[in-house]
Amino acid sequence: MVSVDFHSHTIFSNDSLTRPESLIATSRRRGLDRVVITDHNTIAGALAAHALDPELVIIGEEIMTTRGEILAAYVTEEIPPGLSPQETIKCLRSQCAFISVSHPFDSWRSGAWKLEYLLEIAPLVDAIEIFNARCMIPAGNQRASEFARQKHLPGTAGSDAHAAFELGAATLLLPQFVDPDELRIVIREGKVQGRLSPFWVHFFSRYAHLHKKVV
C-alpha cells in the first residue's frame, strides 16, 4: 500500500517553508509515498519538484475553469485557466490525465462549485476530492463525500498544503500504481487518512500570494 497526498502546492521563493526541496524532504520524512503537486494554473513548480524526485512527485495542476476548480494528476501539458469545465476536461483527457474536482462544496473558496454545474461534469471525471484538510467547515468535505457516493465516484484526499509543514495532513492509502490508468483502477480501494488543518494555515496562502508579487 502507498500513502498519497493528492493535493499540494509548491512555491518558487527563497522561503525554506515553501521551496520544492523542502516539500520533498518533508514528504519523505513523513512517510509519504507519492505527492501530487497541483499549483494553481501552472505545472512549473511540479516539474521542478519532479526533476528532483521523480519517484515521489506526480505532476499535477489545479485549474480554474469558468465554473470551479478542476484537480488533475499526471499532467504533461499545462492547461490555462478560464476555459469551460468541459473544454478543460477534454484537454486533460487528451493527456490521459487523472481528473478530479477539488473542494467542490467549500463555499469559502473561489473555486467551489454550484451543484448544477458539478452535476454536468460528474460523468466526465475520475474522482471527487472528498477530504481536503484546508476546508474551513467540515460540512464541505461531508457534502463532497456524499455527492461522490451518490454518483458512484471514488474519492481523493489531500492536504492542500501551501507550506511544507502541512504536507500529509490528509492522504489516501492505495494499492501500488505506476501510471494514471492503474490509478483509475485502484482508486476505488482508497482509504482516507487525515485531519483538518487549523484555520491559521490560510494565512500562509495569503503570504505566498503577496510574496510572489514581490519576488
C-alpha atoms as a PDB file:
ATOM      1  CA  MET A   1       0.000   0.000   0.000  1.00  0.00           C
ATOM      2  CA  VAL A   2       1.122   3.560  -0.679  1.00  0.00           C
ATOM      3  CA  SER A   3       0.232   6.832   1.035  1.00  0.00           C
ATOM      4  CA  VAL A   4      -0.687   9.561  -1.464  1.00  0.00           C
ATOM      5  CA  ASP A   5      -1.267  13.262  -0.842  1.00  0.00           C
ATOM      6  CA  PHE A   6      -3.397  14.158  -3.870  1.00  0.00           C
ATOM      7  CA  HIS A   7      -3.381  17.923  -3.408  1.00  0.00           C
ATOM      8  CA  SER A   8      -0.337  20.014  -2.516  1.00  0.00           C
ATOM      9  CA  HIS A   9       1.396  23.145  -3.714  1.00  0.00           C
ATOM     10  CA  THR A  10       4.920  24.369  -4.174  1.00  0.00           C
ATOM     11  CA  ILE A  11       6.021  27.998  -4.486  1.00  0.00           C
ATOM     12  CA  PHE A  12       9.173  29.369  -6.102  1.00  0.00           C
ATOM     13  CA  SER A  13      10.871  31.518  -3.473  1.00  0.00           C
ATOM     14  CA  ASN A  14      13.785  31.521  -1.070  1.00  0.00           C
ATOM     15  CA  ASP A  15      11.455  30.694   1.807  1.00  0.00           C
ATOM     16  CA  SER A  16      12.554  27.385   3.310  1.00  0.00           C
ATOM     17  CA  LEU A  17       8.921  26.582   4.160  1.00  0.00           C
ATOM     18  CA  THR A  18       7.776  26.541   0.561  1.00  0.00           C
ATOM     19  CA  ARG A  19      10.572  25.770  -1.892  1.00  0.00           C
ATOM     20  CA  PRO A  20      10.438  22.393  -3.737  1.00  0.00           C
ATOM     21  CA  GLU A  21      13.421  20.920  -1.864  1.00  0.00           C
ATOM     22  CA  SER A  22      11.717  21.492   1.463  1.00  0.00           C
ATOM     23  CA  LEU A  23       8.472  19.942   0.288  1.00  0.00           C
ATOM     24  CA  ILE A  24      10.296  16.839  -0.892  1.00  0.00           C
ATOM     25  CA  ALA A  25      12.317  16.486   2.310  1.00  0.00           C
ATOM     26  CA  THR A  26       9.206  16.875   4.449  1.00  0.00           C
ATOM     27  CA  SER A  27       7.250  14.381   2.350  1.00  0.00           C
ATOM     28  CA  ARG A  28       9.967  11.775   2.747  1.00  0.00           C
ATOM     29  CA  ARG A  29      10.312  12.440   6.459  1.00  0.00           C
ATOM     30  CA  ARG A  30       6.571  11.983   6.963  1.00  0.00           C
ATOM     31  CA  GLY A  31       6.488   8.711   5.085  1.00  0.00           C
ATOM     32  CA  LEU A  32       4.523   9.854   2.052  1.00  0.00           C
ATOM     33  CA  ASP A  33       4.989   7.604  -0.957  1.00  0.00           C
ATOM     34  CA  ARG A  34       3.545   9.922  -3.612  1.00  0.00           C
ATOM     35  CA  VAL A  35       2.685  13.627  -3.647  1.00  0.00           C
ATOM     36  CA  VAL A  36       0.626  15.211  -6.413  1.00  0.00           C
ATOM     37  CA  ILE A  37       1.821  18.797  -6.762  1.00  0.00           C
ATOM     38  CA  THR A  38      -1.081  20.838  -8.067  1.00  0.00           C
ATOM     39  CA  ASP A  39      -0.153  24.507  -8.232  1.00  0.00           C
ATOM     40  CA  HIS A  40      -2.816  26.932  -9.407  1.00  0.00           C
ATOM     41  CA  ASN A  41      -2.933  27.131 -13.212  1.00  0.00           C
ATOM     42  CA  THR A  42       0.698  26.095 -13.714  1.00  0.00           C
ATOM     43  CA  ILE A  43       2.861  22.973 -13.715  1.00  0.00           C
ATOM     44  CA  ALA A  44       6.184  24.811 -13.394  1.00  0.00           C
ATOM     45  CA  GLY A  45       6.637  24.028  -9.702  1.00  0.00           C
ATOM     46  CA  ALA A  46       5.556  20.427 -10.149  1.00  0.00           C
ATOM     47  CA  LEU A  47       8.052  19.977 -12.984  1.00  0.00           C
ATOM     48  CA  ALA A  48      10.866  21.376 -10.826  1.00  0.00           C
ATOM     49  CA  ALA A  49       9.973  19.118  -7.910  1.00  0.00           C
ATOM     50  CA  HIS A  50       9.556  16.083 -10.167  1.00  0.00           C
ATOM     51  CA  ALA A  51      13.040  16.642 -11.569  1.00  0.00           C
ATOM     52  CA  LEU A  52      14.400  16.443  -8.012  1.00  0.00           C
ATOM     53  CA  ASP A  53      12.448  13.315  -7.034  1.00  0.00           C
ATOM     54  CA  PRO A  54      10.504  11.639  -9.869  1.00  0.00           C
ATOM     55  CA  GLU A  55       9.648   8.611  -7.723  1.00  0.00           C
ATOM     56  CA  LEU A  56       7.837  10.778  -5.177  1.00  0.00           C
ATOM     57  CA  VAL A  57       6.307  13.608  -7.203  1.00  0.00           C
ATOM     58  CA  ILE A  58       3.375  13.317  -9.582  1.00  0.00           C
ATOM     59  CA  ILE A  59       2.933  16.354 -11.816  1.00  0.00           C
ATOM     60  CA  GLY A  60      -0.489  17.887 -11.402  1.00  0.00           C
ATOM     61  CA  GLU A  61      -2.365  21.158 -11.750  1.00  0.00           C
ATOM     62  CA  GLU A  62      -5.304  22.863 -10.050  1.00  0.00           C
ATOM     63  CA  ILE A  63      -7.123  24.614 -12.876  1.00  0.00           C
ATOM     64  CA  MET A  64      -9.670  27.393 -12.508  1.00  0.00           C
ATOM     65  CA  THR A  65     -12.435  26.918 -15.050  1.00  0.00           C
ATOM     66  CA  THR A  66     -15.381  29.209 -15.681  1.00  0.00           C
ATOM     67  CA  ARG A  67     -17.419  27.221 -13.133  1.00  0.00           C
ATOM     68  CA  GLY A  68     -14.999  25.971 -10.493  1.00  0.00           C
ATOM     69  CA  GLU A  69     -11.640  24.284  -9.984  1.00  0.00           C
ATOM     70  CA  ILE A  70     -10.509  21.002 -11.542  1.00  0.00           C
ATOM     71  CA  LEU A  71      -7.743  18.995  -9.859  1.00  0.00           C
ATOM     72  CA  ALA A  72      -5.624  16.854 -12.171  1.00  0.00           C
ATOM     73  CA  ALA A  73      -2.754  14.397 -11.772  1.00  0.00           C
ATOM     74  CA  TYR A  74      -0.312  13.105 -14.395  1.00  0.00           C
ATOM     75  CA  VAL A  75      -0.472  16.343 -16.356  1.00  0.00           C
ATOM     76  CA  THR A  76       2.002  16.520 -19.214  1.00  0.00           C
ATOM     77  CA  GLU A  77       0.990  19.856 -20.742  1.00  0.00           C
ATOM     78  CA  GLU A  78      -0.133  22.905 -18.759  1.00  0.00           C
ATOM     79  CA  ILE A  79      -3.808  23.813 -19.078  1.00  0.00           C
ATOM     80  CA  PRO A  80      -4.640  27.547 -18.986  1.00  0.00           C
ATOM     81  CA  PRO A  81      -7.318  28.910 -16.653  1.00  0.00           C
ATOM     82  CA  GLY A  82     -10.600  30.367 -17.875  1.00  0.00           C
ATOM     83  CA  LEU A  83     -11.764  27.504 -20.087  1.00  0.00           C
ATOM     84  CA  SER A  84     -15.130  25.853 -19.626  1.00  0.00           C
ATOM     85  CA  PRO A  85     -15.085  22.721 -17.448  1.00  0.00           C
ATOM     86  CA  GLN A  86     -15.869  20.559 -20.458  1.00  0.00           C
ATOM     87  CA  GLU A  87     -13.046  22.063 -22.504  1.00  0.00           C
ATOM     88  CA  THR A  88     -10.623  21.705 -19.591  1.00  0.00           C
ATOM     89  CA  ILE A  89     -11.582  18.068 -19.136  1.00  0.00           C
ATOM     90  CA  LYS A  90     -11.220  17.436 -22.880  1.00  0.00           C
ATOM     91  CA  CYS A  91      -7.674  18.852 -22.798  1.00  0.00           C
ATOM     92  CA  LEU A  92      -6.800  16.698 -19.779  1.00  0.00           C
ATOM     93  CA  ARG A  93      -8.285  13.570 -21.359  1.00  0.00           C
ATOM     94  CA  SER A  94      -6.062  14.090 -24.395  1.00  0.00           C
ATOM     95  CA  GLN A  95      -3.098  13.735 -21.994  1.00  0.00           C
ATOM     96  CA  CYS A  96      -4.599  10.689 -20.243  1.00  0.00           C
ATOM     97  CA  ALA A  97      -4.521  12.723 -17.014  1.00  0.00           C
ATOM     98  CA  PHE A  98      -6.375  11.622 -13.894  1.00  0.00           C
ATOM     99  CA  ILE A  99      -9.188  14.132 -13.313  1.00  0.00           C
ATOM    100  CA  SER A 100     -10.886  15.068 -10.061  1.00  0.00           C
ATOM    101  CA  VAL A 101     -12.701  18.072  -8.614  1.00  0.00           C
ATOM    102  CA  SER A 102     -11.107  19.975  -5.752  1.00  0.00           C
ATOM    103  CA  HIS A 103     -13.094  21.002  -2.615  1.00  0.00           C
ATOM    104  CA  PRO A 104     -16.357  21.244  -4.603  1.00  0.00           C
ATOM    105  CA  PHE A 105     -18.557  22.353  -1.691  1.00  0.00           C
ATOM    106  CA  ASP A 106     -16.164  24.572   0.254  1.00  0.00           C
ATOM    107  CA  SER A 107     -18.106  27.819  -0.061  1.00  0.00           C
ATOM    108  CA  TRP A 108     -15.188  29.820   1.368  1.00  0.00           C
ATOM    109  CA  ARG A 109     -13.180  29.182  -1.810  1.00  0.00           C
ATOM    110  CA  SER A 110     -13.494  30.899  -5.142  1.00  0.00           C
ATOM    111  CA  GLY A 111     -13.149  27.502  -6.844  1.00  0.00           C
ATOM    112  CA  ALA A 112     -16.220  25.941  -5.214  1.00  0.00           C
ATOM    113  CA  TRP A 113     -18.926  24.538  -7.487  1.00  0.00           C
ATOM    114  CA  LYS A 114     -22.634  25.148  -7.801  1.00  0.00           C
ATOM    115  CA  LEU A 115     -24.430  21.820  -7.719  1.00  0.00           C
ATOM    116  CA  GLU A 116     -25.946  22.244 -11.182  1.00  0.00           C
ATOM    117  CA  TYR A 117     -22.510  22.648 -12.770  1.00  0.00           C
ATOM    118  CA  LEU A 118     -20.978  19.819 -10.784  1.00  0.00           C
ATOM    119  CA  LEU A 119     -23.760  17.501 -11.932  1.00  0.00           C
ATOM    120  CA  GLU A 120     -22.912  18.352 -15.539  1.00  0.00           C
ATOM    121  CA  ILE A 121     -19.313  17.155 -15.246  1.00  0.00           C
ATOM    122  CA  ALA A 122     -19.768  14.250 -12.816  1.00  0.00           C
ATOM    123  CA  PRO A 123     -19.900  11.677 -15.649  1.00  0.00           C
ATOM    124  CA  LEU A 124     -16.689  13.112 -17.128  1.00  0.00           C
ATOM    125  CA  VAL A 125     -14.304  12.939 -14.145  1.00  0.00           C
ATOM    126  CA  ASP A 126     -12.440  10.103 -12.452  1.00  0.00           C
ATOM    127  CA  ALA A 127     -12.982  11.165  -8.839  1.00  0.00           C
ATOM    128  CA  ILE A 128     -14.148  13.824  -6.387  1.00  0.00           C
ATOM    129  CA  GLU A 129     -11.961  15.270  -3.643  1.00  0.00           C
ATOM    130  CA  ILE A 130     -13.871  14.064  -0.572  1.00  0.00           C
ATOM    131  CA  PHE A 131     -11.405  15.216   2.086  1.00  0.00           C
ATOM    132  CA  ASN A 132      -9.466  18.458   1.872  1.00  0.00           C
ATOM    133  CA  ALA A 133      -7.505  19.278   5.018  1.00  0.00           C
ATOM    134  CA  ARG A 134      -7.960  23.015   4.481  1.00  0.00           C
ATOM    135  CA  CYS A 135     -11.758  23.006   4.350  1.00  0.00           C
ATOM    136  CA  MET A 136     -12.854  25.707   6.776  1.00  0.00           C
ATOM    137  CA  ILE A 137     -16.147  23.953   7.523  1.00  0.00           C
ATOM    138  CA  PRO A 138     -16.220  20.124   7.863  1.00  0.00           C
ATOM    139  CA  ALA A 139     -19.619  20.022   6.163  1.00  0.00           C
ATOM    140  CA  GLY A 140     -17.884  20.831   2.872  1.00  0.00           C
ATOM    141  CA  ASN A 141     -15.997  17.530   2.976  1.00  0.00           C
ATOM    142  CA  GLN A 142     -19.111  15.683   4.129  1.00  0.00           C
ATOM    143  CA  ARG A 143     -21.141  17.007   1.215  1.00  0.00           C
ATOM    144  CA  ALA A 144     -18.369  16.068  -1.228  1.00  0.00           C
ATOM    145  CA  SER A 145     -18.229  12.533   0.175  1.00  0.00           C
ATOM    146  CA  GLU A 146     -21.988  12.149  -0.075  1.00  0.00           C
ATOM    147  CA  PHE A 147     -22.019  13.505  -3.637  1.00  0.00           C
ATOM    148  CA  ALA A 148     -19.300  11.026  -4.662  1.00  0.00           C
ATOM    149  CA  ARG A 149     -21.256   8.172  -3.087  1.00  0.00           C
ATOM    150  CA  GLN A 150     -24.460   9.143  -4.872  1.00  0.00           C
ATOM    151  CA  LYS A 151     -22.698   9.397  -8.230  1.00  0.00           C
ATOM    152  CA  HIS A 152     -20.658   6.209  -7.677  1.00  0.00           C
ATOM    153  CA  LEU A 153     -17.411   8.126  -7.959  1.00  0.00           C
ATOM    154  CA  PRO A 154     -14.281   7.319  -5.942  1.00  0.00           C
ATOM    155  CA  GLY A 155     -12.772   9.923  -3.668  1.00  0.00           C
ATOM    156  CA  THR A 156      -9.377  11.521  -3.237  1.00  0.00           C
ATOM    157  CA  ALA A 157      -7.847  13.255  -0.214  1.00  0.00           C
ATOM    158  CA  GLY A 158      -5.157  15.873   0.119  1.00  0.00           C
ATOM    159  CA  SER A 159      -3.532  18.355   2.438  1.00  0.00           C
ATOM    160  CA  ASP A 160      -3.881  21.292   0.016  1.00  0.00           C
ATOM    161  CA  ALA A 161      -0.529  22.248   1.546  1.00  0.00           C
ATOM    162  CA  HIS A 162       0.862  25.697   0.829  1.00  0.00           C
ATOM    163  CA  ALA A 163       3.773  25.205   3.239  1.00  0.00           C
ATOM    164  CA  ALA A 164       5.887  22.140   3.902  1.00  0.00           C
ATOM    165  CA  PHE A 165       4.657  21.515   7.429  1.00  0.00           C
ATOM    166  CA  GLU A 166       1.093  20.978   6.110  1.00  0.00           C
ATOM    167  CA  LEU A 167       2.072  18.028   3.921  1.00  0.00           C
ATOM    168  CA  GLY A 168       0.416  14.743   4.744  1.00  0.00           C
ATOM    169  CA  ALA A 169      -2.389  16.288   6.798  1.00  0.00           C
ATOM    170  CA  ALA A 170      -4.723  14.263   4.581  1.00  0.00           C
ATOM    171  CA  THR A 171      -3.790  11.315   2.385  1.00  0.00           C
ATOM    172  CA  LEU A 172      -5.322   8.379   0.575  1.00  0.00           C
ATOM    173  CA  LEU A 173      -3.978   4.880   1.254  1.00  0.00           C
ATOM    174  CA  LEU A 174      -3.957   2.908  -2.005  1.00  0.00           C
ATOM    175  CA  PRO A 175      -2.567  -0.235  -3.609  1.00  0.00           C
ATOM    176  CA  GLN A 176       0.597   0.415  -5.598  1.00  0.00           C
ATOM    177  CA  PHE A 177       0.159   2.078  -9.015  1.00  0.00           C
ATOM    178  CA  VAL A 178       2.574   3.389 -11.634  1.00  0.00           C
ATOM    179  CA  ASP A 179       0.509   5.497 -14.060  1.00  0.00           C
ATOM    180  CA  PRO A 180      -2.881   7.178 -14.451  1.00  0.00           C
ATOM    181  CA  ASP A 181      -4.527   4.102 -15.940  1.00  0.00           C
ATOM    182  CA  GLU A 182      -3.517   1.989 -12.940  1.00  0.00           C
ATOM    183  CA  LEU A 183      -4.601   4.800 -10.618  1.00  0.00           C
ATOM    184  CA  ARG A 184      -8.063   4.732 -12.152  1.00  0.00           C
ATOM    185  CA  ILE A 185      -8.241   1.026 -11.326  1.00  0.00           C
ATOM    186  CA  VAL A 186      -7.037   1.133  -7.705  1.00  0.00           C
ATOM    187  CA  ILE A 187      -8.655   4.442  -6.672  1.00  0.00           C
ATOM    188  CA  ARG A 188     -11.856   2.733  -5.519  1.00  0.00           C
ATOM    189  CA  GLU A 189      -9.858   0.855  -2.879  1.00  0.00           C
ATOM    190  CA  GLY A 190      -8.605   4.088  -1.326  1.00  0.00           C
ATOM    191  CA  LYS A 191      -8.904   4.743   2.384  1.00  0.00           C
ATOM    192  CA  VAL A 192      -8.873   8.337   3.621  1.00  0.00           C
ATOM    193  CA  GLN A 193      -6.448   9.131   6.416  1.00  0.00           C
ATOM    194  CA  GLY A 194      -6.173  12.613   7.823  1.00  0.00           C
ATOM    195  CA  ARG A 195      -7.319  15.542   9.844  1.00  0.00           C
ATOM    196  CA  LEU A 196      -8.400  19.110   9.228  1.00  0.00           C
ATOM    197  CA  SER A 197      -5.647  21.710   9.380  1.00  0.00           C
ATOM    198  CA  PRO A 198      -6.013  24.627  11.828  1.00  0.00           C
ATOM    199  CA  PHE A 199      -7.638  27.734  10.394  1.00  0.00           C
ATOM    200  CA  TRP A 200      -4.445  29.794  10.645  1.00  0.00           C
ATOM    201  CA  VAL A 201      -2.755  27.863   7.815  1.00  0.00           C
ATOM    202  CA  HIS A 202      -4.754  30.043   5.429  1.00  0.00           C
ATOM    203  CA  PHE A 203      -2.500  32.948   6.371  1.00  0.00           C
ATOM    204  CA  PHE A 204       0.303  31.116   4.542  1.00  0.00           C
ATOM    205  CA  SER A 205      -1.736  31.173   1.354  1.00  0.00           C
ATOM    206  CA  ARG A 206      -2.116  34.922   1.678  1.00  0.00           C
ATOM    207  CA  TYR A 207       1.597  35.291   2.458  1.00  0.00           C
ATOM    208  CA  ALA A 208       2.533  33.199  -0.576  1.00  0.00           C
ATOM    209  CA  HIS A 209       0.273  35.268  -2.833  1.00  0.00           C
ATOM    210  CA  LEU A 210       1.828  38.522  -1.651  1.00  0.00           C
ATOM    211  CA  HIS A 211       5.356  37.094  -1.708  1.00  0.00           C
ATOM    212  CA  LYS A 212       5.039  36.025  -5.341  1.00  0.00           C
ATOM    213  CA  LYS A 213       4.169  39.614  -6.276  1.00  0.00           C
ATOM    214  CA  VAL A 214       7.421  40.993  -4.884  1.00  0.00           C
ATOM    215  CA  VAL A 215       9.977  38.309  -5.859  1.00  0.00           C
END
